[in-house]
C-alpha atoms as a PDB file:
ATOM      1  CA  MET A   1      16.476 -17.287  14.504  1.00  0.00           C
ATOM      2  CA  VAL A   2      18.185 -17.093  17.854  1.00  0.00           C
ATOM      3  CA  GLY A   3      15.464 -15.374  20.047  1.00  0.00           C
ATOM      4  CA  THR A   4      15.978 -14.284  23.986  1.00  0.00           C
ATOM      5  CA  ASP A   5      13.215 -14.299  26.174  1.00  0.00           C
ATOM      6  CA  ARG A   6      12.866 -11.177  27.570  1.00  0.00           C
ATOM      7  CA  SER A   7       9.606 -11.726  29.670  1.00  0.00           C
ATOM      8  CA  GLY A   8      11.880 -12.002  32.937  1.00  0.00           C
ATOM      9  CA  SER A   9      11.347  -9.364  35.788  1.00  0.00           C
ATOM     10  CA  GLY A  10      14.444  -7.672  35.747  1.00  0.00           C
ATOM     11  CA  ASN A  11      14.184  -6.724  31.897  1.00  0.00           C
ATOM     12  CA  ALA A  12      13.716  -3.205  30.103  1.00  0.00           C
ATOM     13  CA  LEU A  13      11.181  -4.713  28.393  1.00  0.00           C
ATOM     14  CA  ALA A  14       9.137  -6.154  30.976  1.00  0.00           C
ATOM     15  CA  GLN A  15       9.468  -2.577  32.896  1.00  0.00           C
ATOM     16  CA  PRO A  16       6.040  -1.046  34.995  1.00  0.00           C
ATOM     17  CA  ILE A  17       3.867  -0.299  32.195  1.00  0.00           C
ATOM     18  CA  GLY A  18       1.741   1.280  35.304  1.00  0.00           C
ATOM     19  CA  ARG A  19       4.067   4.317  34.337  1.00  0.00           C
ATOM     20  CA  ILE A  20       3.402   4.323  30.336  1.00  0.00           C
ATOM     21  CA  LEU A  21      -0.449   4.104  31.018  1.00  0.00           C
ATOM     22  CA  CYS A  22      -0.401   6.799  33.450  1.00  0.00           C
ATOM     23  CA  GLU A  23       1.353   9.039  31.126  1.00  0.00           C
ATOM     24  CA  ALA A  24      -0.806   8.100  28.626  1.00  0.00           C
ATOM     25  CA  VAL A  25      -4.106   9.133  30.036  1.00  0.00           C
ATOM     26  CA  ALA A  26      -2.913  11.857  31.115  1.00  0.00           C
ATOM     27  CA  VAL A  27      -1.917  13.112  27.656  1.00  0.00           C
ATOM     28  CA  LEU A  28      -5.128  12.501  26.005  1.00  0.00           C
ATOM     29  CA  VAL A  29      -6.785  14.269  28.773  1.00  0.00           C
ATOM     30  CA  ALA A  30      -3.778  16.751  28.289  1.00  0.00           C
ATOM     31  CA  ALA A  31      -3.124  17.348  31.984  1.00  0.00           C
ATOM     32  CA  LEU A  32       0.004  15.439  32.652  1.00  0.00           C
ATOM     33  CA  PRO A  33       0.232  14.799  36.071  1.00  0.00           C
ATOM     34  CA  THR A  34       3.687  14.202  38.088  1.00  0.00           C
ATOM     35  CA  GLY A  35       4.670  11.558  39.473  1.00  0.00           C
ATOM     36  CA  CYS A  36       3.550   8.875  37.325  1.00  0.00           C
ATOM     37  CA  PRO A  37       4.817   5.544  39.211  1.00  0.00           C
ATOM     38  CA  GLY A  38       8.391   4.753  38.469  1.00  0.00           C
ATOM     39  CA  GLU A  39       9.079   7.845  36.209  1.00  0.00           C
ATOM     40  CA  VAL A  40      12.793   7.657  35.559  1.00  0.00           C
ATOM     41  CA  GLY A  41      14.745   8.942  32.577  1.00  0.00           C
ATOM     42  CA  ARG A  42      12.775  11.189  31.299  1.00  0.00           C
ATOM     43  CA  ARG A  43      14.734  14.498  30.277  1.00  0.00           C
ATOM     44  CA  ASP A  44      13.043  16.790  32.331  1.00  0.00           C
ATOM     45  CA  ALA A  45       9.874  15.663  34.910  1.00  0.00           C
ATOM     46  CA  GLY A  46       8.743  19.122  35.517  1.00  0.00           C
ATOM     47  CA  THR A  47       8.273  20.458  31.859  1.00  0.00           C
ATOM     48  CA  ASP A  48       8.924  17.820  29.526  1.00  0.00           C
ATOM     49  CA  GLN A  49       5.902  16.074  28.143  1.00  0.00           C
ATOM     50  CA  ALA A  50       7.410  13.017  26.145  1.00  0.00           C
ATOM     51  CA  LEU A  51       7.746   9.232  27.201  1.00  0.00           C
ATOM     52  CA  THR A  52      11.255   8.013  27.628  1.00  0.00           C
ATOM     53  CA  LEU A  53      11.442   6.384  23.933  1.00  0.00           C
ATOM     54  CA  LEU A  54      11.600  10.242  22.741  1.00  0.00           C
ATOM     55  CA  ASP A  55      14.551  11.697  21.489  1.00  0.00           C
ATOM     56  CA  GLY A  56      16.068  14.722  20.985  1.00  0.00           C
ATOM     57  CA  PRO A  57      17.342  15.437  17.199  1.00  0.00           C
ATOM     58  CA  VAL A  58      20.038  13.554  15.567  1.00  0.00           C
ATOM     59  CA  GLY A  59      23.160  15.247  16.010  1.00  0.00           C
ATOM     60  CA  PRO A  60      27.001  14.187  14.641  1.00  0.00           C
ATOM     61  CA  GLY A  61      27.697  10.743  14.996  1.00  0.00           C
ATOM     62  CA  ALA A  62      24.267   9.677  15.764  1.00  0.00           C
ATOM     63  CA  ASP A  63      24.013   7.457  11.809  1.00  0.00           C
ATOM     64  CA  GLY A  64      24.728   3.544  12.547  1.00  0.00           C
ATOM     65  CA  PRO A  65      25.533   1.487   9.387  1.00  0.00           C
ATOM     66  CA  ALA A  66      24.502   2.473   6.126  1.00  0.00           C
ATOM     67  CA  ASP A  67      25.316  -0.735   4.658  1.00  0.00           C
ATOM     68  CA  ASN A  68      22.527  -2.200   2.027  1.00  0.00           C
ATOM     69  CA  GLY A  69      21.794  -4.818   4.643  1.00  0.00           C
ATOM     70  CA  PRO A  70      22.331  -8.369   4.880  1.00  0.00           C
ATOM     71  CA  GLU A  71      22.290 -10.666   1.911  1.00  0.00           C
ATOM     72  CA  HIS A  72      20.009 -14.052   1.899  1.00  0.00           C
ATOM     73  CA  ASP A  73      22.202 -16.357   3.467  1.00  0.00           C
ATOM     74  CA  GLY A  74      20.550 -19.568   2.924  1.00  0.00           C
ATOM     75  CA  THR A  75      19.115 -19.653   6.509  1.00  0.00           C
ATOM     76  CA  THR A  76      17.221 -16.811   6.558  1.00  0.00           C
ATOM     77  CA  PRO A  77      13.509 -16.944   5.658  1.00  0.00           C
ATOM     78  CA  LYS A  78      13.277 -16.045   2.380  1.00  0.00           C
ATOM     79  CA  PRO A  79      11.965 -12.944   1.230  1.00  0.00           C
ATOM     80  CA  ASP A  80       8.319 -12.480  -0.110  1.00  0.00           C
ATOM     81  CA  SER A  81       9.773 -11.079  -3.141  1.00  0.00           C
ATOM     82  CA  LEU A  82      10.876 -14.707  -3.925  1.00  0.00           C
ATOM     83  CA  LYS A  83       7.695 -16.671  -3.612  1.00  0.00           C
ATOM     84  CA  PRO A  84       6.313 -17.958  -6.623  1.00  0.00           C
ATOM     85  CA  ASP A  85       2.385 -16.398  -5.851  1.00  0.00           C
ATOM     86  CA  VAL A  86       3.830 -13.093  -6.209  1.00  0.00           C
ATOM     87  CA  TYR A  87       4.882 -13.194  -9.673  1.00  0.00           C
ATOM     88  CA  LYS A  88       1.105 -13.151 -10.870  1.00  0.00           C
ATOM     89  CA  PRO A  89       0.816 -10.386 -13.824  1.00  0.00           C
ATOM     90  CA  GLY A  90      -0.478  -7.019 -12.707  1.00  0.00           C
ATOM     91  CA  GLY A  91      -0.842  -8.717  -8.875  1.00  0.00           C
ATOM     92  CA  VAL A  92      -0.191  -6.943  -5.936  1.00  0.00           C
ATOM     93  CA  VAL A  93       2.696  -7.747  -4.050  1.00  0.00           C
ATOM     94  CA  PRO A  94       1.981  -9.409  -1.526  1.00  0.00           C
ATOM     95  CA  PRO A  95      -1.776 -10.299  -3.099  1.00  0.00           C
ATOM     96  CA  LEU A  96      -4.500  -8.218  -1.329  1.00  0.00           C
ATOM     97  CA  GLY A  97      -6.897 -10.116   1.042  1.00  0.00           C
ATOM     98  CA  GLY A  98      -4.200 -13.028   1.556  1.00  0.00           C
ATOM     99  CA  ALA A  99      -1.991 -13.514   4.128  1.00  0.00           C
ATOM    100  CA  SER A 100       1.567 -14.859   4.795  1.00  0.00           C
ATOM    101  CA  ASP A 101       0.211 -17.840   6.337  1.00  0.00           C
ATOM    102  CA  GLY A 102       4.142 -18.380   8.629  1.00  0.00           C
ATOM    103  CA  SER A 103       3.986 -20.999  10.925  1.00  0.00           C
ATOM    104  CA  GLY A 104       6.354 -21.997  13.622  1.00  0.00           C
ATOM    105  CA  GLY A 105       6.634 -18.718  15.528  1.00  0.00           C
ATOM    106  CA  GLN A 106       6.060 -18.436  19.619  1.00  0.00           C
ATOM    107  CA  VAL A 107       4.065 -15.710  21.229  1.00  0.00           C
ATOM    108  CA  ALA A 108       6.067 -13.448  23.272  1.00  0.00           C
ATOM    109  CA  PRO A 109       4.082 -11.172  24.931  1.00  0.00           C
ATOM    110  CA  SER A 110       6.787  -9.239  27.078  1.00  0.00           C
ATOM    111  CA  GLY A 111       8.478  -9.055  24.024  1.00  0.00           C
ATOM    112  CA  THR A 112      11.976 -11.318  22.126  1.00  0.00           C
ATOM    113  CA  THR A 113      15.317 -10.320  20.817  1.00  0.00           C
ATOM    114  CA  VAL A 114      15.813 -11.985  17.597  1.00  0.00           C
ATOM    115  CA  SER A 115      18.964 -12.140  15.536  1.00  0.00           C
ATOM    116  CA  GLN A 116      17.942 -13.177  11.770  1.00  0.00           C
ATOM    117  CA  GLY A 117      20.011 -12.681   9.000  1.00  0.00           C
ATOM    118  CA  GLY A 118      22.652 -10.036  10.566  1.00  0.00           C
ATOM    119  CA  VAL A 119      19.818  -8.205  12.018  1.00  0.00           C
ATOM    120  CA  THR A 120      18.971  -7.780  15.469  1.00  0.00           C
ATOM    121  CA  PHE A 121      15.720  -6.468  16.771  1.00  0.00           C
ATOM    122  CA  ASN A 122      12.705  -7.055  19.202  1.00  0.00           C
ATOM    123  CA  LEU A 123       9.507  -8.658  18.542  1.00  0.00           C
ATOM    124  CA  VAL A 124       6.388  -8.221  20.349  1.00  0.00           C
ATOM    125  CA  VAL A 125       3.518 -11.303  19.693  1.00  0.00           C
ATOM    126  CA  PRO A 126       0.540 -10.879  22.201  1.00  0.00           C
ATOM    127  CA  SER A 127      -0.395 -13.841  23.828  1.00  0.00           C
ATOM    128  CA  SER A 128      -4.137 -13.458  21.554  1.00  0.00           C
ATOM    129  CA  TYR A 129      -1.697 -14.527  18.760  1.00  0.00           C
ATOM    130  CA  GLN A 130      -3.268 -17.423  16.440  1.00  0.00           C
ATOM    131  CA  VAL A 131      -1.935 -19.016  13.450  1.00  0.00           C
ATOM    132  CA  SER A 132      -5.709 -20.117  12.384  1.00  0.00           C
ATOM    133  CA  VAL A 133      -6.569 -16.471  11.584  1.00  0.00           C
ATOM    134  CA  SER A 134      -4.202 -13.240  10.287  1.00  0.00           C
ATOM    135  CA  ASN A 135      -2.661 -11.025  12.217  1.00  0.00           C
ATOM    136  CA  PRO A 136      -1.307  -7.522  11.749  1.00  0.00           C
ATOM    137  CA  VAL A 137       1.787  -6.005  11.949  1.00  0.00           C
ATOM    138  CA  LEU A 138       3.687  -2.918  12.785  1.00  0.00           C
ATOM    139  CA  VAL A 139       6.965  -2.480  12.094  1.00  0.00           C
ATOM    140  CA  ILE A 140       9.003   0.082  14.054  1.00  0.00           C
ATOM    141  CA  PHE A 141      12.414   2.231  13.862  1.00  0.00           C
ATOM    142  CA  SER A 142      13.041   3.811  16.621  1.00  0.00           C
ATOM    143  CA  GLY A 143      14.568   7.243  17.698  1.00  0.00           C
ATOM    144  CA  VAL A 144      17.964   7.248  19.432  1.00  0.00           C
ATOM    145  CA  GLU A 145      16.561   6.182  22.677  1.00  0.00           C
ATOM    146  CA  GLY A 146      16.906   2.750  20.895  1.00  0.00           C
ATOM    147  CA  ALA A 147      14.771  -0.446  20.457  1.00  0.00           C
ATOM    148  CA  ASP A 148      14.358  -1.783  24.214  1.00  0.00           C
ATOM    149  CA  VAL A 149      12.778   1.602  25.648  1.00  0.00           C
ATOM    150  CA  MET A 150      10.456   1.622  22.233  1.00  0.00           C
ATOM    151  CA  THR A 151       9.034  -1.847  23.081  1.00  0.00           C
ATOM    152  CA  GLN A 152       8.622  -0.616  26.528  1.00  0.00           C
ATOM    153  CA  ASN A 153       6.836   1.645  26.057  1.00  0.00           C
ATOM    154  CA  MET A 154       4.704  -0.327  23.096  1.00  0.00           C
ATOM    155  CA  LEU A 155       4.181  -2.581  25.904  1.00  0.00           C
ATOM    156  CA  GLY A 156       1.760   0.036  27.530  1.00  0.00           C
ATOM    157  CA  VAL A 157       0.222   2.407  24.584  1.00  0.00           C
ATOM    158  CA  ALA A 158      -0.705  -0.265  21.631  1.00  0.00           C
ATOM    159  CA  PRO A 159      -3.276  -2.135  24.283  1.00  0.00           C
ATOM    160  CA  TYR A 160      -4.087   1.206  25.767  1.00  0.00           C
ATOM    161  CA  LEU A 161      -5.376   2.406  22.209  1.00  0.00           C
ATOM    162  CA  GLY A 162      -6.982  -0.891  21.256  1.00  0.00           C
ATOM    163  CA  LEU A 163      -3.905  -2.063  19.138  1.00  0.00           C
ATOM    164  CA  GLY A 164      -3.310  -4.990  21.547  1.00  0.00           C
ATOM    165  CA  ASP A 165      -3.670  -7.724  19.030  1.00  0.00           C
ATOM    166  CA  LEU A 166      -0.543  -6.271  16.889  1.00  0.00           C
ATOM    167  CA  ILE A 167       2.805  -8.005  16.604  1.00  0.00           C
ATOM    168  CA  ILE A 168       5.130  -5.487  16.746  1.00  0.00           C
ATOM    169  CA  ALA A 169       9.037  -5.851  15.080  1.00  0.00           C
ATOM    170  CA  VAL A 170      11.382  -2.982  16.997  1.00  0.00           C
ATOM    171  CA  LEU A 171      14.543  -2.129  15.162  1.00  0.00           C
ATOM    172  CA  ASP A 172      17.107   0.256  16.546  1.00  0.00           C
ATOM    173  CA  GLY A 173      16.956   3.553  14.136  1.00  0.00           C
ATOM    174  CA  GLN A 174      20.348   5.097  15.287  1.00  0.00           C
ATOM    175  CA  LEU A 175      21.902   1.199  14.739  1.00  0.00           C
ATOM    176  CA  TYR A 176      20.253   0.616  11.123  1.00  0.00           C
ATOM    177  CA  ASN A 177      20.162   4.531  10.262  1.00  0.00           C
ATOM    178  CA  GLY A 178      19.674   4.758   6.296  1.00  0.00           C
ATOM    179  CA  ASN A 179      19.290   1.085   6.500  1.00  0.00           C
ATOM    180  CA  GLY A 180      15.780   0.003   5.153  1.00  0.00           C
ATOM    181  CA  GLN A 181      16.874  -3.420   3.832  1.00  0.00           C
ATOM    182  CA  ALA A 182      17.021  -4.103   7.639  1.00  0.00           C
ATOM    183  CA  GLY A 183      13.502  -3.459   8.242  1.00  0.00           C
ATOM    184  CA  ALA A 184      12.513  -5.595   5.303  1.00  0.00           C
ATOM    185  CA  THR A 185      14.678  -8.649   6.658  1.00  0.00           C
ATOM    186  CA  ALA A 186      12.346  -8.162  10.120  1.00  0.00           C
ATOM    187  CA  LEU A 187       9.641  -8.417   8.227  1.00  0.00           C
ATOM    188  CA  ASP A 188      10.255 -11.223   5.883  1.00  0.00           C
ATOM    189  CA  HIS A 189      11.376 -13.458   9.239  1.00  0.00           C
ATOM    190  CA  VAL A 190       7.851 -12.839  10.743  1.00  0.00           C
ATOM    191  CA  ARG A 191       6.110 -13.266   7.708  1.00  0.00           C
ATOM    192  CA  ALA A 192       7.287 -16.234   7.549  1.00  0.00           C
ATOM    193  CA  LYS A 193       6.863 -17.632  10.912  1.00  0.00           C
ATOM    194  CA  TYR A 194       3.397 -15.768  11.722  1.00  0.00           C
ATOM    195  CA  ASN A 195       0.366 -15.983  10.266  1.00  0.00           C
ATOM    196  CA  VAL A 196       0.651 -12.158   8.706  1.00  0.00           C
ATOM    197  CA  ASP A 197      -2.659 -10.295   7.390  1.00  0.00           C
ATOM    198  CA  ASN A 198      -1.119  -8.855   3.866  1.00  0.00           C
ATOM    199  CA  ASP A 199      -3.525  -5.874   4.440  1.00  0.00           C
ATOM    200  CA  ARG A 200      -2.631  -4.781   8.198  1.00  0.00           C
ATOM    201  CA  THR A 201       1.284  -4.362   7.632  1.00  0.00           C
ATOM    202  CA  TYR A 202       1.687  -0.719   8.885  1.00  0.00           C
ATOM    203  CA  LEU A 203       5.269   1.011   9.329  1.00  0.00           C
ATOM    204  CA  LEU A 204       6.558   3.802  12.291  1.00  0.00           C
ATOM    205  CA  SER A 205       9.930   5.665  11.940  1.00  0.00           C
ATOM    206  CA  GLU A 206      10.718   7.876  14.388  1.00  0.00           C
ATOM    207  CA  SER A 207      13.466  10.405  14.406  1.00  0.00           C
ATOM    208  CA  ALA A 208      17.065   8.671  13.881  1.00  0.00           C
ATOM    209  CA  GLY A 209      14.402   6.294  12.057  1.00  0.00           C
ATOM    210  CA  THR A 210      13.255   8.440   9.658  1.00  0.00           C
ATOM    211  CA  THR A 211      15.949   7.464   6.661  1.00  0.00           C
ATOM    212  CA  ALA A 212      15.744   4.026   6.983  1.00  0.00           C
ATOM    213  CA  GLY A 213      11.736   3.914   7.432  1.00  0.00           C
ATOM    214  CA  LEU A 214      11.051   6.428   4.003  1.00  0.00           C
ATOM    215  CA  GLN A 215      13.301   4.186   2.390  1.00  0.00           C
ATOM    216  CA  LEU A 216      11.833   0.622   3.799  1.00  0.00           C
ATOM    217  CA  GLY A 217       8.298   2.308   3.430  1.00  0.00           C
ATOM    218  CA  LEU A 218       8.017   4.263   0.119  1.00  0.00           C
ATOM    219  CA  GLN A 219      10.781   2.392  -1.720  1.00  0.00           C
ATOM    220  CA  LEU A 220      12.083  -1.226  -0.712  1.00  0.00           C
ATOM    221  CA  ARG A 221       8.497  -2.443   0.292  1.00  0.00           C
ATOM    222  CA  GLN A 222       5.962   0.472  -0.328  1.00  0.00           C
ATOM    223  CA  SER A 223       3.488  -2.001  -1.105  1.00  0.00           C
ATOM    224  CA  TYR A 224       3.714  -4.119   1.578  1.00  0.00           C
ATOM    225  CA  PHE A 225       2.270  -1.289   4.033  1.00  0.00           C
ATOM    226  CA  ALA A 226      -1.503  -0.364   4.128  1.00  0.00           C
ATOM    227  CA  ALA A 227      -0.159   2.930   6.321  1.00  0.00           C
ATOM    228  CA  PHE A 228       3.231   4.185   7.199  1.00  0.00           C
ATOM    229  CA  TRP A 229       3.545   7.623   9.650  1.00  0.00           C
ATOM    230  CA  ALA A 230       6.957   9.213   9.764  1.00  0.00           C
ATOM    231  CA  ASN A 231       7.221  11.015  13.075  1.00  0.00           C
ATOM    232  CA  ASP A 232       9.746  13.143  14.600  1.00  0.00           C
ATOM    233  CA  VAL A 233      11.159  14.021  11.179  1.00  0.00           C
ATOM    234  CA  ASN A 234      14.539  14.901  10.249  1.00  0.00           C
ATOM    235  CA  ALA A 235      14.797  13.735   6.034  1.00  0.00           C
ATOM    236  CA  THR A 236      13.032  13.491   3.432  1.00  0.00           C
ATOM    237  CA  ALA A 237      11.553  11.530   0.524  1.00  0.00           C
ATOM    238  CA  SER A 238       8.830  10.186  -2.154  1.00  0.00           C
ATOM    239  CA  PRO A 239       6.909   7.329  -2.757  1.00  0.00           C
ATOM    240  CA  ALA A 240       8.978   5.400  -5.767  1.00  0.00           C
ATOM    241  CA  LYS A 241       5.255   4.333  -7.066  1.00  0.00           C
ATOM    242  CA  THR A 242       2.038   5.972  -7.090  1.00  0.00           C
ATOM    243  CA  ALA A 243      -0.886   4.636  -5.854  1.00  0.00           C
ATOM    244  CA  ALA A 244      -2.206   3.852  -9.702  1.00  0.00           C
ATOM    245  CA  GLN A 245       1.378   1.810 -10.025  1.00  0.00           C
ATOM    246  CA  LEU A 246       0.553  -0.375  -6.505  1.00  0.00           C
ATOM    247  CA  SER A 247      -3.470  -0.784  -7.253  1.00  0.00           C
ATOM    248  CA  PHE A 248      -4.157   0.633  -4.378  1.00  0.00           C
ATOM    249  CA  ALA A 249      -4.296   4.046  -2.038  1.00  0.00           C
ATOM    250  CA  PRO A 250      -1.720   3.701   0.952  1.00  0.00           C
ATOM    251  CA  TRP A 251      -2.393   5.582   3.744  1.00  0.00           C
ATOM    252  CA  GLY A 252       0.335   8.280   5.070  1.00  0.00           C
ATOM    253  CA  ASN A 253       1.220  11.131   7.473  1.00  0.00           C
ATOM    254  CA  ALA A 254       4.180  12.600   9.178  1.00  0.00           C
ATOM    255  CA  GLY A 255       4.669  14.257  12.434  1.00  0.00           C
ATOM    256  CA  PRO A 256       6.884  17.319  12.372  1.00  0.00           C
ATOM    257  CA  GLY A 257       8.105  17.319  16.015  1.00  0.00           C
ATOM    258  CA  GLY A 258       8.940  20.969  15.325  1.00  0.00           C
ATOM    259  CA  GLN A 259      10.538  20.523  11.230  1.00  0.00           C
ATOM    260  CA  LEU A 260       6.948  21.621   9.564  1.00  0.00           C
ATOM    261  CA  ALA A 261       9.139  21.892   6.350  1.00  0.00           C
ATOM    262  CA  THR A 262      10.319  18.551   5.956  1.00  0.00           C
ATOM    263  CA  ALA A 263       7.154  16.962   7.129  1.00  0.00           C
ATOM    264  CA  THR A 264       5.130  19.165   4.589  1.00  0.00           C
ATOM    265  CA  THR A 265       7.222  17.811   1.717  1.00  0.00           C
ATOM    266  CA  ILE A 266       6.771  13.909   2.769  1.00  0.00           C
ATOM    267  CA  VAL A 267       3.046  14.598   3.188  1.00  0.00           C
ATOM    268  CA  ASN A 268       3.130  16.457  -0.642  1.00  0.00           C
ATOM    269  CA  GLY A 269       4.830  13.514  -1.978  1.00  0.00           C
ATOM    270  CA  MET A 270       2.552  10.725  -0.285  1.00  0.00           C
ATOM    271  CA  LYS A 271      -0.316  13.382  -2.013  1.00  0.00           C
ATOM    272  CA  ALA A 272       1.190  13.270  -5.501  1.00  0.00           C
ATOM    273  CA  ALA A 273       1.534   9.654  -5.438  1.00  0.00           C
ATOM    274  CA  GLY A 274      -2.322   9.311  -4.281  1.00  0.00           C
ATOM    275  CA  TYR A 275      -1.796   8.333  -0.828  1.00  0.00           C
ATOM    276  CA  ARG A 276      -4.637   8.533   1.363  1.00  0.00           C
ATOM    277  CA  LEU A 277      -3.772  11.594   3.828  1.00  0.00           C
ATOM    278  CA  PRO A 278      -6.037  12.488   7.115  1.00  0.00           C
ATOM    279  CA  SER A 279      -7.273  15.945   7.252  1.00  0.00           C
ATOM    280  CA  ASP A 280      -4.450  17.015   9.571  1.00  0.00           C
ATOM    281  CA  ALA A 281      -1.665  15.942   7.365  1.00  0.00           C
ATOM    282  CA  PRO A 282       1.001  16.720   8.085  1.00  0.00           C
ATOM    283  CA  TYR A 283      -0.126  16.408  11.833  1.00  0.00           C
ATOM    284  CA  SER A 284      -0.496  19.653  13.263  1.00  0.00           C
ATOM    285  CA  GLY A 285      -1.941  18.826  16.734  1.00  0.00           C
ATOM    286  CA  PRO A 286      -0.598  18.637  20.582  1.00  0.00           C
ATOM    287  CA  GLY A 287       3.210  18.185  19.964  1.00  0.00           C
ATOM    288  CA  SER A 288       3.956  18.561  16.544  1.00  0.00           C
ATOM    289  CA  THR A 289       6.239  21.574  16.859  1.00  0.00           C
ATOM    290  CA  THR A 290       7.850  19.583  19.977  1.00  0.00           C
ATOM    291  CA  HIS A 291      10.301  17.433  18.422  1.00  0.00           C
ATOM    292  CA  GLY A 292       9.852  14.204  20.741  1.00  0.00           C
ATOM    293  CA  ALA A 293       6.364  15.164  22.142  1.00  0.00           C
ATOM    294  CA  THR A 294       4.359  12.708  23.804  1.00  0.00           C
ATOM    295  CA  GLN A 295       1.002  13.892  22.155  1.00  0.00           C
ATOM    296  CA  GLN A 296       2.619  13.646  18.723  1.00  0.00           C
ATOM    297  CA  PHE A 297       3.428   9.980  19.522  1.00  0.00           C
ATOM    298  CA  MET A 298       0.089   8.929  20.763  1.00  0.00           C
ATOM    299  CA  ALA A 299      -1.255  10.338  17.373  1.00  0.00           C
ATOM    300  CA  ALA A 300       1.029   8.720  15.177  1.00  0.00           C
ATOM    301  CA  VAL A 301       0.291   5.153  16.842  1.00  0.00           C
ATOM    302  CA  SER A 302      -3.508   5.832  16.874  1.00  0.00           C
ATOM    303  CA  PHE A 303      -3.305   6.175  13.460  1.00  0.00           C
ATOM    304  CA  PHE A 304      -2.953   2.937  12.270  1.00  0.00           C
ATOM    305  CA  LYS A 305      -6.084   1.716  14.058  1.00  0.00           C
ATOM    306  CA  GLY A 306      -8.344   0.280  11.578  1.00  0.00           C
ATOM    307  CA  LYS A 307      -6.431   0.860   8.444  1.00  0.00           C
ATOM    308  CA  SER A 308      -5.948  -1.450   5.649  1.00  0.00           C
ATOM    309  CA  ARG A 309      -4.880  -1.536   1.782  1.00  0.00           C
ATOM    310  CA  GLN A 310      -8.273  -2.303   1.000  1.00  0.00           C
END
């Protein structure tokens, strides 16, 4: 692993969190104020209610590499599919009620950049992390705003929403467009280096990261995720396995961001596969008709609180 410490005061991952929290509070009370501290980089500070991370529709040339991801090179932590304990006949992969028992990772409360197996991603590990207990993990494929800006926003939003204990791995959804294997590589690394709760692993995809998220969450590593929210969707896919085949029912939802038909197709596929869905699926609350709306993003992050495979 090559890790670059991102905790310095000049780093994008440690930019003013006050602005993020100011906007987050404003969204929840449906009254975004003007002049949140450090309000820079928003598309239209007067009318747009989107956090910096939220992007517009993916246009021509936005697609990143569409290869099948890196092969195991002997130095990358071995995928969980290679571990003996997952070959138990009829068992769930990874086992229900268990943990990865990874070790050797360091806390990174302000974020660090990891390069592993040809994949680069940002990693946030809260100061509360303890190797002696299993910890929840959220994998994110960002939109075109990129991994750094998504990470910056999550540093403020996650603790505010009561999810400050999450280990968060953020991949650039444009760079890894259509490459769900990149997310699998990041997840394998986190599970090898940290003690991850098998039942509390989550996936969020955002706009340009839709195709990679669908591939990772509904096909490549479907059984790993307790919950998957596809946000500001621009593609569709259906789960490869049913809840009965998985031996548990994952949670799922989709945020339309103005693409209701697309989100409905995703949700219908989840429903047919036996996923657990909230009553509001696809999401139809504030921000659901606007691509890049803060309200919908907040609903997406809030969705993961308390979710489990069991």
